[in-house]
């Protein structure tokens, strides 16, 4: 029987970047949801509850490899090559002050992130949201309300999530680029630190594959 390659990717990633990728797969698998195969989340795989699983470690000359393979009958799963595994969409718009802004809207209607600033042009606003799309999934989370090290299970980002309590005792988050610029925030205050964390995790999960309207 012929073998057709539906999707293939060959990239270099850090160990933290790999951890971020596998964690995304783990969350979707545990919930029984389609699993995004690519970073952009446009190729989604839905597999049965008990597929065959194989891990193989090999050495060829001076190179080592570890192959992870999950296999199942074609009739028991589906592959969508035009998927949008994200549950959110970027809205790009011009405000009353004639400045361009973006906001990330979940399918449930909630705004889960916004640009935190206005831009002089649509192009600059697009560049801002693309920076968030690139950096949010792997960004460290730092709780600025106490002295602690950033989460060590994230990485491959030029930005950091800052978790903090505002003057009204509401919990908020902001995404700060390494250049010091705040490139996104939650757009709202949360009643607890846990809810604020859930909000930024939703951004991490959905920002990659979110479309722009």
N, C-alpha and C. Protein backbone atom coordinates (compact mmCIF):
# COMPACT_ATOMS: atom_id res chain seq x y z
N UNK A 1 0.85 -1.19 0.00
CA UNK A 1 0.00 0.00 0.00
C UNK A 1 0.88 1.24 0.00
N UNK A 2 0.52 2.25 -0.78
CA UNK A 2 1.33 3.47 -0.88
C UNK A 2 1.26 4.26 0.41
N UNK A 3 2.31 5.06 0.64
CA UNK A 3 2.39 5.88 1.84
C UNK A 3 2.38 7.35 1.43
N UNK A 4 1.37 8.09 1.88
CA UNK A 4 1.22 9.50 1.54
C UNK A 4 1.57 10.36 2.74
N UNK A 5 2.50 11.30 2.56
CA UNK A 5 2.85 12.22 3.63
C UNK A 5 1.89 13.41 3.59
N UNK A 6 1.09 13.56 4.61
CA UNK A 6 0.10 14.63 4.68
C UNK A 6 0.71 15.91 5.24
N UNK A 7 1.60 15.76 6.21
CA UNK A 7 2.26 16.92 6.80
C UNK A 7 3.63 16.50 7.33
N UNK A 8 4.63 17.35 7.16
CA UNK A 8 5.97 17.06 7.67
C UNK A 8 6.66 18.37 8.03
N UNK A 9 7.39 18.37 9.14
CA UNK A 9 8.10 19.56 9.59
C UNK A 9 9.49 19.16 10.07
N UNK A 10 10.48 19.98 9.74
CA UNK A 10 11.86 19.72 10.16
C UNK A 10 12.46 21.04 10.63
N UNK A 11 12.50 21.26 11.95
CA UNK A 11 13.00 22.51 12.51
C UNK A 11 13.90 22.22 13.70
N UNK A 12 14.64 23.24 14.11
CA UNK A 12 15.45 23.15 15.32
C UNK A 12 14.73 23.89 16.43
N UNK A 13 14.57 23.24 17.59
CA UNK A 13 13.91 23.85 18.73
C UNK A 13 14.72 23.63 20.00
N UNK A 14 14.58 24.54 20.94
CA UNK A 14 15.21 24.36 22.24
C UNK A 14 14.44 23.29 23.02
N UNK A 15 15.05 22.80 24.09
CA UNK A 15 14.35 21.84 24.93
C UNK A 15 13.08 22.44 25.52
N UNK A 16 13.15 23.72 25.89
CA UNK A 16 11.96 24.38 26.41
C UNK A 16 10.89 24.52 25.33
N UNK A 17 11.34 24.81 24.10
CA UNK A 17 10.40 24.90 23.00
C UNK A 17 9.70 23.57 22.75
N UNK A 18 10.46 22.48 22.85
CA UNK A 18 9.87 21.15 22.71
C UNK A 18 8.86 20.88 23.82
N UNK A 19 9.22 21.30 25.04
CA UNK A 19 8.32 21.09 26.17
C UNK A 19 7.01 21.83 25.96
N UNK A 20 7.08 23.05 25.42
CA UNK A 20 5.88 23.82 25.14
C UNK A 20 5.01 23.12 24.10
N UNK A 21 5.65 22.58 23.06
CA UNK A 21 4.91 21.87 22.00
C UNK A 21 4.22 20.62 22.55
N UNK A 22 4.97 19.80 23.31
CA UNK A 22 4.38 18.57 23.83
C UNK A 22 3.30 18.85 24.88
N UNK A 23 3.45 19.94 25.62
CA UNK A 23 2.44 20.29 26.60
C UNK A 23 1.13 20.65 25.91
N UNK A 24 1.23 21.35 24.76
CA UNK A 24 0.04 21.70 23.99
C UNK A 24 -0.67 20.42 23.52
N UNK A 25 0.12 19.45 23.03
CA UNK A 25 -0.46 18.18 22.61
C UNK A 25 -1.11 17.46 23.77
N UNK A 26 -0.43 17.47 24.91
CA UNK A 26 -0.93 16.77 26.09
C UNK A 26 -2.29 17.30 26.53
N UNK A 27 -2.42 18.62 26.56
CA UNK A 27 -3.69 19.22 26.98
C UNK A 27 -4.83 18.81 26.07
N UNK A 28 -4.58 18.86 24.76
CA UNK A 28 -5.64 18.51 23.80
C UNK A 28 -5.99 17.03 23.89
N UNK A 29 -4.97 16.17 24.02
CA UNK A 29 -5.21 14.74 24.12
C UNK A 29 -6.03 14.39 25.36
N UNK A 30 -5.69 15.00 26.48
CA UNK A 30 -6.38 14.69 27.74
C UNK A 30 -7.85 15.10 27.69
N UNK A 31 -8.15 16.12 26.86
CA UNK A 31 -9.55 16.57 26.75
C UNK A 31 -10.28 15.90 25.59
N UNK A 32 -9.56 15.04 24.84
CA UNK A 32 -10.19 14.35 23.72
C UNK A 32 -10.44 15.27 22.54
N UNK A 33 -9.65 16.35 22.43
CA UNK A 33 -9.82 17.32 21.35
C UNK A 33 -8.84 17.05 20.21
N UNK A 34 -9.10 17.57 19.01
CA UNK A 34 -8.13 17.45 17.92
C UNK A 34 -6.79 18.05 18.32
N UNK A 35 -5.71 17.40 17.93
CA UNK A 35 -4.36 17.81 18.31
C UNK A 35 -3.71 18.59 17.17
N UNK A 36 -3.22 19.81 17.42
CA UNK A 36 -2.54 20.57 16.37
C UNK A 36 -1.15 19.99 16.10
N UNK A 37 -0.86 19.66 14.84
CA UNK A 37 0.45 19.09 14.50
C UNK A 37 1.48 20.15 14.23
N UNK A 38 1.04 21.33 13.76
CA UNK A 38 1.99 22.39 13.42
C UNK A 38 1.85 23.55 14.39
N UNK A 39 2.85 24.43 14.40
CA UNK A 39 2.87 25.56 15.31
C UNK A 39 1.68 26.49 15.06
N UNK A 40 1.33 26.70 13.79
CA UNK A 40 0.23 27.60 13.44
C UNK A 40 -1.13 26.99 13.75
N UNK A 41 -1.15 25.69 14.09
CA UNK A 41 -2.37 24.97 14.45
C UNK A 41 -3.37 24.91 13.29
N UNK A 42 -2.85 24.75 12.07
CA UNK A 42 -3.72 24.63 10.90
C UNK A 42 -3.87 23.18 10.45
N UNK A 43 -3.07 22.27 11.02
CA UNK A 43 -3.19 20.84 10.75
C UNK A 43 -3.59 20.16 12.06
N UNK A 44 -4.81 19.67 12.13
CA UNK A 44 -5.34 19.09 13.35
C UNK A 44 -5.60 17.60 13.17
N UNK A 45 -5.18 16.81 14.15
CA UNK A 45 -5.32 15.37 14.09
C UNK A 45 -6.23 14.90 15.22
N UNK A 46 -7.26 14.17 14.85
CA UNK A 46 -8.16 13.58 15.85
C UNK A 46 -7.94 12.08 15.83
N UNK A 47 -7.49 11.52 16.96
CA UNK A 47 -7.13 10.11 17.01
C UNK A 47 -8.03 9.36 17.98
N UNK A 48 -8.11 8.03 17.86
CA UNK A 48 -8.96 7.24 18.77
C UNK A 48 -8.39 7.22 20.19
N UNK A 49 -9.14 6.62 21.11
CA UNK A 49 -8.76 6.62 22.52
C UNK A 49 -7.55 5.75 22.81
N UNK A 50 -7.29 4.74 21.98
CA UNK A 50 -6.20 3.80 22.29
C UNK A 50 -5.35 3.49 21.06
N UNK A 51 -4.64 4.47 20.52
CA UNK A 51 -3.78 4.22 19.35
C UNK A 51 -2.53 3.45 19.76
N UNK A 52 -1.84 2.88 18.77
CA UNK A 52 -0.55 2.23 19.03
C UNK A 52 0.51 3.31 19.22
N UNK A 53 1.41 3.09 20.18
CA UNK A 53 2.42 4.10 20.54
C UNK A 53 3.80 3.45 20.53
N UNK A 54 4.74 4.09 19.84
CA UNK A 54 6.09 3.52 19.71
C UNK A 54 7.14 4.61 19.89
N UNK A 55 8.16 4.31 20.69
CA UNK A 55 9.30 5.21 20.88
C UNK A 55 10.56 4.47 20.48
N UNK A 56 11.38 5.07 19.64
CA UNK A 56 12.60 4.42 19.16
C UNK A 56 13.78 5.39 19.27
N UNK A 57 14.84 4.96 19.93
CA UNK A 57 16.06 5.75 20.07
C UNK A 57 17.16 5.06 19.27
N UNK A 58 17.80 5.83 18.37
CA UNK A 58 18.81 5.25 17.49
C UNK A 58 20.08 6.09 17.48
N UNK A 59 21.20 5.45 17.13
CA UNK A 59 22.44 6.16 16.88
C UNK A 59 22.96 5.77 15.52
N UNK A 60 23.22 6.79 14.69
CA UNK A 60 23.78 6.56 13.36
C UNK A 60 25.04 7.41 13.24
N UNK A 61 26.18 6.77 13.35
CA UNK A 61 27.43 7.50 13.35
C UNK A 61 27.53 8.37 14.59
N UNK A 62 27.70 9.68 14.38
CA UNK A 62 27.80 10.61 15.50
C UNK A 62 26.47 11.27 15.84
N UNK A 63 25.41 10.87 15.18
CA UNK A 63 24.10 11.48 15.41
C UNK A 63 23.18 10.54 16.17
N UNK A 64 22.42 11.10 17.13
CA UNK A 64 21.43 10.35 17.89
C UNK A 64 20.04 10.85 17.48
N UNK A 65 19.06 9.98 17.59
CA UNK A 65 17.69 10.39 17.27
C UNK A 65 16.71 9.66 18.17
N UNK A 66 15.59 10.32 18.43
CA UNK A 66 14.48 9.69 19.14
C UNK A 66 13.22 9.92 18.33
N UNK A 67 12.61 8.85 17.88
CA UNK A 67 11.39 8.95 17.09
C UNK A 67 10.19 8.51 17.93
N UNK A 68 9.17 9.33 17.91
CA UNK A 68 7.92 9.03 18.62
C UNK A 68 6.83 8.85 17.57
N UNK A 69 6.21 7.71 17.57
CA UNK A 69 5.19 7.42 16.54
C UNK A 69 3.90 6.97 17.19
N UNK A 70 2.80 7.58 16.75
CA UNK A 70 1.46 7.19 17.18
C UNK A 70 0.71 6.74 15.95
N UNK A 71 0.14 5.55 15.99
CA UNK A 71 -0.46 4.95 14.79
C UNK A 71 -1.85 4.43 15.11
N UNK A 72 -2.76 4.57 14.13
CA UNK A 72 -4.13 4.07 14.30
C UNK A 72 -4.75 3.85 12.93
N UNK A 73 -5.77 3.01 12.83
CA UNK A 73 -6.46 2.78 11.54
C UNK A 73 -7.10 4.07 11.03
N UNK A 74 -7.00 4.29 9.73
CA UNK A 74 -7.51 5.52 9.14
C UNK A 74 -8.99 5.73 9.43
N UNK A 75 -9.74 4.63 9.54
CA UNK A 75 -11.18 4.73 9.76
C UNK A 75 -11.53 5.20 11.18
N UNK A 76 -10.53 5.19 12.08
CA UNK A 76 -10.80 5.52 13.49
C UNK A 76 -10.35 6.93 13.87
N UNK A 77 -9.86 7.70 12.92
CA UNK A 77 -9.41 9.06 13.22
C UNK A 77 -9.48 9.93 11.98
N UNK A 78 -9.31 11.23 12.17
CA UNK A 78 -9.37 12.17 11.04
C UNK A 78 -8.18 13.12 11.08
N UNK A 79 -7.82 13.67 9.92
CA UNK A 79 -6.79 14.68 9.82
C UNK A 79 -7.36 15.85 9.01
N UNK A 80 -7.35 17.02 9.61
CA UNK A 80 -7.88 18.22 8.97
C UNK A 80 -6.71 19.13 8.61
N UNK A 81 -6.43 19.28 7.31
CA UNK A 81 -5.30 20.11 6.87
C UNK A 81 -5.68 21.57 6.68
N UNK A 82 -6.93 21.91 6.95
CA UNK A 82 -7.37 23.31 6.87
C UNK A 82 -8.04 23.71 8.18
N UNK A 83 -7.46 23.23 9.26
CA UNK A 83 -8.06 23.46 10.57
C UNK A 83 -7.70 24.83 11.13
N UNK A 84 -8.46 25.27 12.08
CA UNK A 84 -8.12 26.42 12.90
C UNK A 84 -8.33 25.96 14.33
N UNK A 85 -7.30 25.33 14.90
CA UNK A 85 -7.44 24.74 16.23
C UNK A 85 -7.59 25.80 17.31
N UNK A 86 -7.31 27.05 16.99
CA UNK A 86 -7.48 28.12 17.97
C UNK A 86 -8.96 28.38 18.21
N UNK A 87 -9.28 28.75 19.45
CA UNK A 87 -10.65 29.11 19.79
C UNK A 87 -10.78 30.61 19.96
N UNK A 88 -9.95 31.36 19.25
CA UNK A 88 -9.98 32.81 19.37
C UNK A 88 -9.66 33.46 18.02
N UNK A 89 -9.98 34.74 17.90
CA UNK A 89 -9.74 35.50 16.67
C UNK A 89 -9.24 36.89 17.04
N UNK A 90 -8.25 37.38 16.27
CA UNK A 90 -7.79 38.75 16.43
C UNK A 90 -8.75 39.70 15.73
N UNK A 91 -9.22 40.73 16.43
CA UNK A 91 -9.96 41.83 15.82
C UNK A 91 -8.98 42.99 15.64
N UNK A 92 -8.85 43.49 14.42
CA UNK A 92 -8.01 44.65 14.11
C UNK A 92 -8.94 45.80 13.78
N UNK A 93 -8.80 46.93 14.50
CA UNK A 93 -9.78 48.00 14.32
C UNK A 93 -9.16 49.37 14.60
N UNK A 94 -9.86 50.41 14.16
CA UNK A 94 -9.45 51.79 14.39
C UNK A 94 -10.34 52.39 15.47
N UNK A 95 -9.74 52.97 16.51
CA UNK A 95 -10.53 53.50 17.61
C UNK A 95 -11.00 54.94 17.33
N UNK A 96 -11.67 55.54 18.33
CA UNK A 96 -12.23 56.89 18.15
C UNK A 96 -11.16 57.96 17.99
N UNK A 97 -9.93 57.65 18.42
CA UNK A 97 -8.83 58.62 18.29
C UNK A 97 -8.04 58.40 17.00
N UNK A 98 -8.60 57.60 16.09
CA UNK A 98 -7.96 57.30 14.80
C UNK A 98 -6.65 56.53 14.97
N UNK A 99 -6.54 55.77 16.06
CA UNK A 99 -5.39 54.90 16.27
C UNK A 99 -5.81 53.45 16.03
N UNK A 100 -4.88 52.64 15.53
CA UNK A 100 -5.17 51.24 15.25
C UNK A 100 -4.84 50.36 16.45
N UNK A 101 -5.72 49.45 16.75
CA UNK A 101 -5.56 48.54 17.88
C UNK A 101 -5.96 47.12 17.48
N UNK A 102 -5.60 46.16 18.32
CA UNK A 102 -6.08 44.79 18.13
C UNK A 102 -6.57 44.26 19.48
N UNK A 103 -7.43 43.27 19.40
CA UNK A 103 -7.86 42.54 20.60
C UNK A 103 -8.06 41.08 20.20
N UNK A 104 -7.82 40.18 21.14
CA UNK A 104 -7.97 38.75 20.90
C UNK A 104 -9.26 38.31 21.57
N UNK A 105 -10.21 37.86 20.76
CA UNK A 105 -11.55 37.53 21.25
C UNK A 105 -11.76 36.02 21.21
N UNK A 106 -12.10 35.44 22.36
CA UNK A 106 -12.40 34.01 22.42
C UNK A 106 -13.73 33.73 21.75
N UNK A 107 -13.92 32.49 21.33
CA UNK A 107 -15.19 32.11 20.69
C UNK A 107 -16.39 32.33 21.60
N UNK A 108 -16.15 32.38 22.92
CA UNK A 108 -17.27 32.61 23.85
C UNK A 108 -17.61 34.08 23.98
N UNK A 109 -16.89 34.93 23.24
CA UNK A 109 -17.16 36.37 23.23
C UNK A 109 -16.30 37.19 24.15
N UNK A 110 -15.53 36.54 25.03
CA UNK A 110 -14.68 37.26 25.97
C UNK A 110 -13.42 37.79 25.28
N UNK A 111 -13.04 39.01 25.60
CA UNK A 111 -11.76 39.56 25.15
C UNK A 111 -10.69 39.05 26.10
N UNK A 112 -9.76 38.25 25.60
CA UNK A 112 -8.77 37.63 26.47
C UNK A 112 -7.41 38.34 26.40
N UNK A 113 -7.23 39.26 25.45
CA UNK A 113 -6.00 40.06 25.36
C UNK A 113 -6.27 41.25 24.48
N UNK A 114 -5.52 42.34 24.73
CA UNK A 114 -5.59 43.46 23.80
C UNK A 114 -4.22 44.12 23.68
N UNK A 115 -4.13 45.08 22.77
CA UNK A 115 -2.83 45.64 22.39
C UNK A 115 -2.23 46.55 23.45
N UNK A 116 -3.02 47.00 24.41
CA UNK A 116 -2.58 47.87 25.51
C UNK A 116 -2.12 49.25 25.03
N UNK A 117 -2.13 49.49 23.73
CA UNK A 117 -1.75 50.79 23.18
C UNK A 117 -2.34 50.96 21.79
N UNK A 118 -2.40 52.20 21.31
CA UNK A 118 -2.82 52.47 19.96
C UNK A 118 -1.63 52.63 19.04
N UNK A 119 -1.79 52.25 17.78
CA UNK A 119 -0.71 52.36 16.78
C UNK A 119 -1.09 53.40 15.73
N UNK A 120 -0.08 54.01 15.13
CA UNK A 120 -0.32 55.07 14.15
C UNK A 120 -0.82 54.55 12.81
N UNK A 121 -0.67 53.24 12.56
CA UNK A 121 -1.12 52.68 11.29
C UNK A 121 -1.57 51.24 11.49
N UNK A 122 -2.35 50.76 10.53
CA UNK A 122 -2.80 49.37 10.56
C UNK A 122 -1.61 48.42 10.49
N UNK A 123 -0.62 48.78 9.68
CA UNK A 123 0.56 47.93 9.51
C UNK A 123 1.31 47.76 10.83
N UNK A 124 1.45 48.84 11.59
CA UNK A 124 2.15 48.75 12.88
C UNK A 124 1.35 47.91 13.87
N UNK A 125 0.02 48.03 13.83
CA UNK A 125 -0.81 47.21 14.70
C UNK A 125 -0.67 45.73 14.35
N UNK A 126 -0.61 45.43 13.05
CA UNK A 126 -0.40 44.05 12.62
C UNK A 126 0.95 43.52 13.09
N UNK A 127 1.97 44.37 13.02
CA UNK A 127 3.29 43.96 13.50
C UNK A 127 3.25 43.68 15.00
N UNK A 128 2.47 44.47 15.73
CA UNK A 128 2.34 44.26 17.16
C UNK A 128 1.68 42.93 17.49
N UNK A 129 0.58 42.62 16.80
CA UNK A 129 -0.09 41.36 17.09
C UNK A 129 0.74 40.15 16.65
N UNK A 130 1.52 40.31 15.58
CA UNK A 130 2.38 39.20 15.16
C UNK A 130 3.50 38.96 16.18
N UNK A 131 3.96 40.01 16.83
CA UNK A 131 4.95 39.85 17.89
C UNK A 131 4.36 39.07 19.05
N UNK A 132 3.10 39.36 19.37
CA UNK A 132 2.41 38.62 20.44
C UNK A 132 2.18 37.17 20.02
N UNK A 133 1.77 36.96 18.77
CA UNK A 133 1.56 35.60 18.26
C UNK A 133 2.85 34.77 18.38
N UNK A 134 3.99 35.42 18.08
CA UNK A 134 5.27 34.73 18.12
C UNK A 134 5.74 34.45 19.54
N UNK A 135 5.57 35.41 20.44
CA UNK A 135 6.21 35.33 21.74
C UNK A 135 5.35 34.82 22.90
N UNK A 136 4.03 34.97 22.80
CA UNK A 136 3.18 34.60 23.93
C UNK A 136 3.23 33.11 24.29
N UNK A 137 3.19 32.18 23.31
CA UNK A 137 3.13 30.76 23.69
C UNK A 137 4.28 30.28 24.56
N UNK A 138 5.48 30.79 24.34
CA UNK A 138 6.63 30.30 25.10
C UNK A 138 7.12 31.24 26.18
N UNK A 139 6.36 32.30 26.47
CA UNK A 139 6.83 33.31 27.42
C UNK A 139 6.80 32.80 28.85
N UNK A 140 7.84 33.15 29.63
CA UNK A 140 7.86 32.88 31.05
C UNK A 140 6.72 33.63 31.74
N UNK A 141 6.30 33.11 32.89
CA UNK A 141 5.32 33.81 33.73
C UNK A 141 5.99 34.17 35.04
N UNK A 142 6.03 35.47 35.35
CA UNK A 142 6.66 35.95 36.58
C UNK A 142 5.60 36.62 37.45
N UNK A 143 5.48 36.18 38.69
CA UNK A 143 4.57 36.79 39.65
C UNK A 143 5.31 37.95 40.31
N UNK A 144 4.99 39.18 39.91
CA UNK A 144 5.71 40.35 40.42
C UNK A 144 5.29 40.71 41.84
N UNK A 145 4.28 40.03 42.38
CA UNK A 145 3.85 40.34 43.75
C UNK A 145 4.77 39.70 44.78
N UNK A 146 5.65 38.84 44.34
CA UNK A 146 6.60 38.21 45.26
C UNK A 146 7.88 37.91 44.51
N UNK A 147 8.93 37.68 45.27
CA UNK A 147 10.24 37.43 44.68
C UNK A 147 10.36 35.96 44.34
N UNK A 148 10.24 35.65 43.06
CA UNK A 148 10.35 34.26 42.65
C UNK A 148 10.95 34.17 41.26
N UNK A 149 11.51 33.01 40.97
CA UNK A 149 12.08 32.77 39.65
C UNK A 149 10.96 32.52 38.64
N UNK A 150 11.18 32.82 37.36
CA UNK A 150 10.18 32.53 36.35
C UNK A 150 9.94 31.04 36.20
N UNK A 151 8.76 30.68 35.68
CA UNK A 151 8.47 29.28 35.40
C UNK A 151 9.55 28.71 34.51
N UNK A 152 10.07 27.55 34.86
CA UNK A 152 11.16 26.96 34.10
C UNK A 152 10.69 26.04 32.98
N UNK A 153 9.38 25.85 32.87
CA UNK A 153 8.88 24.92 31.86
C UNK A 153 8.46 25.63 30.58
N UNK A 154 8.76 26.91 30.46
CA UNK A 154 8.45 27.62 29.24
C UNK A 154 9.74 28.15 28.63
N UNK A 155 9.67 28.72 27.46
CA UNK A 155 10.87 29.28 26.85
C UNK A 155 10.67 29.60 25.39
N UNK A 156 11.78 29.84 24.68
CA UNK A 156 11.77 30.15 23.25
C UNK A 156 10.93 31.39 22.97
N UNK A 157 11.11 32.43 23.80
CA UNK A 157 10.36 33.66 23.63
C UNK A 157 11.23 34.85 23.99
N UNK A 158 10.92 36.00 23.35
CA UNK A 158 11.60 37.25 23.67
C UNK A 158 10.74 38.12 24.57
N UNK A 159 9.79 37.51 25.27
CA UNK A 159 8.88 38.27 26.13
C UNK A 159 8.59 37.50 27.41
N UNK A 160 8.02 38.20 28.39
CA UNK A 160 7.70 37.61 29.69
C UNK A 160 6.31 38.07 30.13
N UNK A 161 5.51 37.14 30.62
CA UNK A 161 4.23 37.49 31.23
C UNK A 161 4.50 37.96 32.65
N UNK A 162 3.98 39.13 33.00
CA UNK A 162 4.06 39.65 34.37
C UNK A 162 2.68 39.56 35.00
N UNK A 163 2.60 38.88 36.13
CA UNK A 163 1.35 38.70 36.87
C UNK A 163 1.42 39.61 38.08
N UNK A 164 0.38 40.46 38.29
CA UNK A 164 0.46 41.43 39.38
C UNK A 164 -0.93 41.83 39.86
N UNK A 165 -0.98 42.40 41.08
CA UNK A 165 -2.21 42.93 41.64
C UNK A 165 -2.20 44.44 41.49
N UNK A 166 -3.31 45.01 40.98
CA UNK A 166 -3.36 46.46 40.79
C UNK A 166 -3.78 47.16 42.08
N UNK A 167 -3.95 48.47 42.02
CA UNK A 167 -4.28 49.24 43.21
C UNK A 167 -5.65 48.91 43.77
N UNK A 168 -6.51 48.36 42.91
CA UNK A 168 -7.84 47.96 43.36
C UNK A 168 -7.90 46.51 43.80
N UNK A 169 -6.72 45.89 44.00
CA UNK A 169 -6.61 44.48 44.44
C UNK A 169 -7.14 43.50 43.40
N UNK A 170 -7.24 43.95 42.16
CA UNK A 170 -7.59 43.05 41.06
C UNK A 170 -6.30 42.47 40.48
N UNK A 171 -6.36 41.21 40.05
CA UNK A 171 -5.19 40.57 39.46
C UNK A 171 -5.19 40.78 37.94
N UNK A 172 -4.01 41.11 37.41
CA UNK A 172 -3.86 41.38 36.00
C UNK A 172 -2.58 40.73 35.47
N UNK A 173 -2.50 40.68 34.14
CA UNK A 173 -1.25 40.25 33.51
C UNK A 173 -0.92 41.19 32.36
N UNK A 174 0.36 41.28 32.05
CA UNK A 174 0.82 42.02 30.88
C UNK A 174 1.97 41.24 30.28
N UNK A 175 2.14 41.35 28.99
CA UNK A 175 3.22 40.67 28.28
C UNK A 175 4.25 41.72 27.89
N UNK A 176 5.43 41.62 28.49
CA UNK A 176 6.47 42.62 28.26
C UNK A 176 7.60 42.03 27.41
N UNK A 177 7.91 42.71 26.31
CA UNK A 177 9.02 42.29 25.45
C UNK A 177 10.34 42.56 26.16
N UNK A 178 11.39 41.84 25.72
CA UNK A 178 12.71 42.04 26.31
C UNK A 178 13.23 43.47 26.14
N UNK A 179 12.68 44.21 25.17
CA UNK A 179 13.10 45.60 24.97
C UNK A 179 12.40 46.56 25.94
N UNK A 180 11.56 45.99 26.83
CA UNK A 180 10.87 46.78 27.84
C UNK A 180 9.46 47.18 27.47
N UNK A 181 9.08 47.02 26.21
CA UNK A 181 7.76 47.44 25.75
C UNK A 181 6.68 46.43 26.16
N UNK A 182 5.55 46.94 26.65
CA UNK A 182 4.40 46.08 26.93
C UNK A 182 3.65 45.87 25.62
N UNK A 183 3.61 44.63 25.15
CA UNK A 183 3.02 44.35 23.83
C UNK A 183 1.62 43.79 23.91
N UNK A 184 1.15 43.45 25.12
CA UNK A 184 -0.22 42.95 25.29
C UNK A 184 -0.56 42.97 26.77
N UNK A 185 -1.87 43.04 27.05
CA UNK A 185 -2.32 42.83 28.43
C UNK A 185 -3.68 42.17 28.41
N UNK A 186 -4.17 41.81 29.60
CA UNK A 186 -5.43 41.07 29.69
C UNK A 186 -6.66 41.90 29.44
N UNK A 187 -6.52 43.22 29.49
CA UNK A 187 -7.66 44.09 29.21
C UNK A 187 -8.70 44.15 30.32
N UNK A 188 -8.46 43.46 31.42
CA UNK A 188 -9.42 43.45 32.52
C UNK A 188 -8.72 43.01 33.79
N UNK A 189 -9.36 43.25 34.93
CA UNK A 189 -8.86 42.75 36.20
C UNK A 189 -9.60 41.48 36.59
N UNK A 190 -8.91 40.58 37.26
CA UNK A 190 -9.50 39.31 37.70
C UNK A 190 -9.63 39.30 39.21
N UNK A 191 -10.60 38.56 39.71
CA UNK A 191 -10.85 38.53 41.15
C UNK A 191 -9.82 37.72 41.92
N UNK A 192 -9.05 36.89 41.23
CA UNK A 192 -8.03 36.07 41.91
C UNK A 192 -6.84 35.86 40.99
N UNK A 193 -5.72 35.53 41.61
CA UNK A 193 -4.51 35.23 40.84
C UNK A 193 -4.75 34.02 39.93
N UNK A 194 -5.48 33.03 40.43
CA UNK A 194 -5.74 31.82 39.66
C UNK A 194 -6.51 32.14 38.38
N UNK A 195 -7.51 33.02 38.47
CA UNK A 195 -8.29 33.39 37.28
C UNK A 195 -7.43 34.16 36.28
N UNK A 196 -6.53 35.00 36.79
CA UNK A 196 -5.63 35.73 35.89
C UNK A 196 -4.71 34.76 35.17
N UNK A 197 -4.21 33.74 35.88
CA UNK A 197 -3.37 32.72 35.27
C UNK A 197 -4.14 31.96 34.20
N UNK A 198 -5.40 31.63 34.49
CA UNK A 198 -6.23 30.94 33.50
C UNK A 198 -6.40 31.79 32.26
N UNK A 199 -6.54 33.11 32.45
CA UNK A 199 -6.69 34.01 31.32
C UNK A 199 -5.45 34.03 30.43
N UNK A 200 -4.28 34.15 31.04
CA UNK A 200 -3.07 34.20 30.20
C UNK A 200 -2.76 32.85 29.58
N UNK A 201 -3.14 31.75 30.26
CA UNK A 201 -2.95 30.42 29.66
C UNK A 201 -3.84 30.25 28.43
N UNK A 202 -5.03 30.84 28.48
CA UNK A 202 -5.91 30.80 27.30
C UNK A 202 -5.26 31.52 26.13
N UNK A 203 -4.58 32.63 26.42
CA UNK A 203 -3.86 33.36 25.36
C UNK A 203 -2.74 32.48 24.81
N UNK A 204 -1.95 31.87 25.68
CA UNK A 204 -0.86 31.00 25.25
C UNK A 204 -1.37 29.90 24.32
N UNK A 205 -2.51 29.32 24.67
CA UNK A 205 -3.08 28.20 23.91
C UNK A 205 -3.63 28.62 22.56
N UNK A 206 -4.28 29.79 22.50
CA UNK A 206 -5.05 30.14 21.32
C UNK A 206 -4.42 31.15 20.37
N UNK A 207 -3.34 31.82 20.81
CA UNK A 207 -2.81 32.92 20.00
C UNK A 207 -2.19 32.46 18.69
N UNK A 208 -1.53 31.32 18.66
CA UNK A 208 -0.81 30.86 17.46
C UNK A 208 -1.73 30.75 16.25
N UNK A 209 -2.83 30.04 16.42
CA UNK A 209 -3.69 29.75 15.27
C UNK A 209 -4.83 30.72 15.06
N UNK A 210 -4.86 31.80 15.83
CA UNK A 210 -5.97 32.74 15.71
C UNK A 210 -5.92 33.50 14.40
N UNK A 211 -7.06 33.58 13.72
CA UNK A 211 -7.15 34.35 12.50
C UNK A 211 -7.27 35.83 12.80
N UNK A 212 -7.19 36.67 11.77
CA UNK A 212 -7.29 38.12 11.92
C UNK A 212 -8.46 38.62 11.08
N UNK A 213 -9.35 39.38 11.71
CA UNK A 213 -10.47 39.95 10.96
C UNK A 213 -10.51 41.45 11.14
